[in-house]
Amino acid sequence: MCADRYTRLKAIKDFGYDIDWENLRGKHVGIIGIGGLGCITSEMAVRCGIGKITLFDFDTVEILNLNRAMYKIEDVGRSKVEVASEFLNLINPDVKVRYFNSDIMNPKFEKIFEHEISSMDIILNGLDNLPAREYLNAKCVHFNIPYIDAGASRSGLSGYVHPIIPYKTACANCIKSISINASEERGESCVASLPSTMAILGSIQVQEMLKLLFEFGQLIDYVMYDMISGKSFHYVTKRDKNCLICGNKEKKIKNGVQPKVTDKEIGNIIKKFKDK
């Protein structure tokens, strides 16, 4: 048998898992935020041979970003998504990489963003500020798009990964009403940023992405990683029936998905995030 760039990836099938690696060629993955996490997850996704990847970020590369895996000194001042697209295309030209140098919370970009994510199989979150995370959570739930939420603490010494399947598992908003010993730093912009912590969290994100896309193994629920102790803490979450994003207020629509809030309520929630 002739070897190709995916041979060792496909070899997982030899260990008893009924996985057809070629199926990834038909998948579309969105990566929101090309910072510490997005640099890691986008490269891994491309090396895995995802068919199509769409990147979103409106920032430019700063000298402070050079601790990330992707950026070089000559990239300073350039658009993050443009640099990432060139880098990823060099790694694997088989993958179609698209990008948007836009703020996902910009009202003028909202319809484009909705159109783009509606065709995605899964989204990996790499955002580092709470309003944008909550906005993305509302959009993913509303459009029934699975996504892998993740983030590092401001200290860069800990973080979490939380796969979210809309209407089946707790969304990011549900976590607020669940007793989890989560850091108060969760979801805030990093002050310190260790590439080692980001690599661990990003690797878990991609691992869960593969399990979800291939429908094998068991998804984690909510995992926190603490660098100081070297321990991971696993939590069992549950959907909050009173959650404003995915709660029990049902509304049937044509495709059978049942959003739990009305379009008007979603609009009000999103407007609140934009005004922060």
Foldseek 3Di string as FASTA:
>chain_A
DDDDLCNVVVCVVVVPDPFDLCLQLVAEEEEEDCALQVVQQLLVSLSSPRNEYEYEEQDFDDPVRVLHPQDDPVRGPPQSLVSSVVRSCVSHVNHHYHYDNDDCLPPVCVVVVLVVQLRHQEYEYDDQADLSLVLVLLSCLVSQHWYWYKDAFQAQFKIKIATDGHLPFATPQQVVVDDDPDDPRPRHHHNDHHSVSSNVGSVLRNVQVVCVSRVDDDHAHMWMAGNVVRDIDGDGGHYDLPRLRRHDQWDADDVGDTTNHDPVSSVVSSVVSSVD
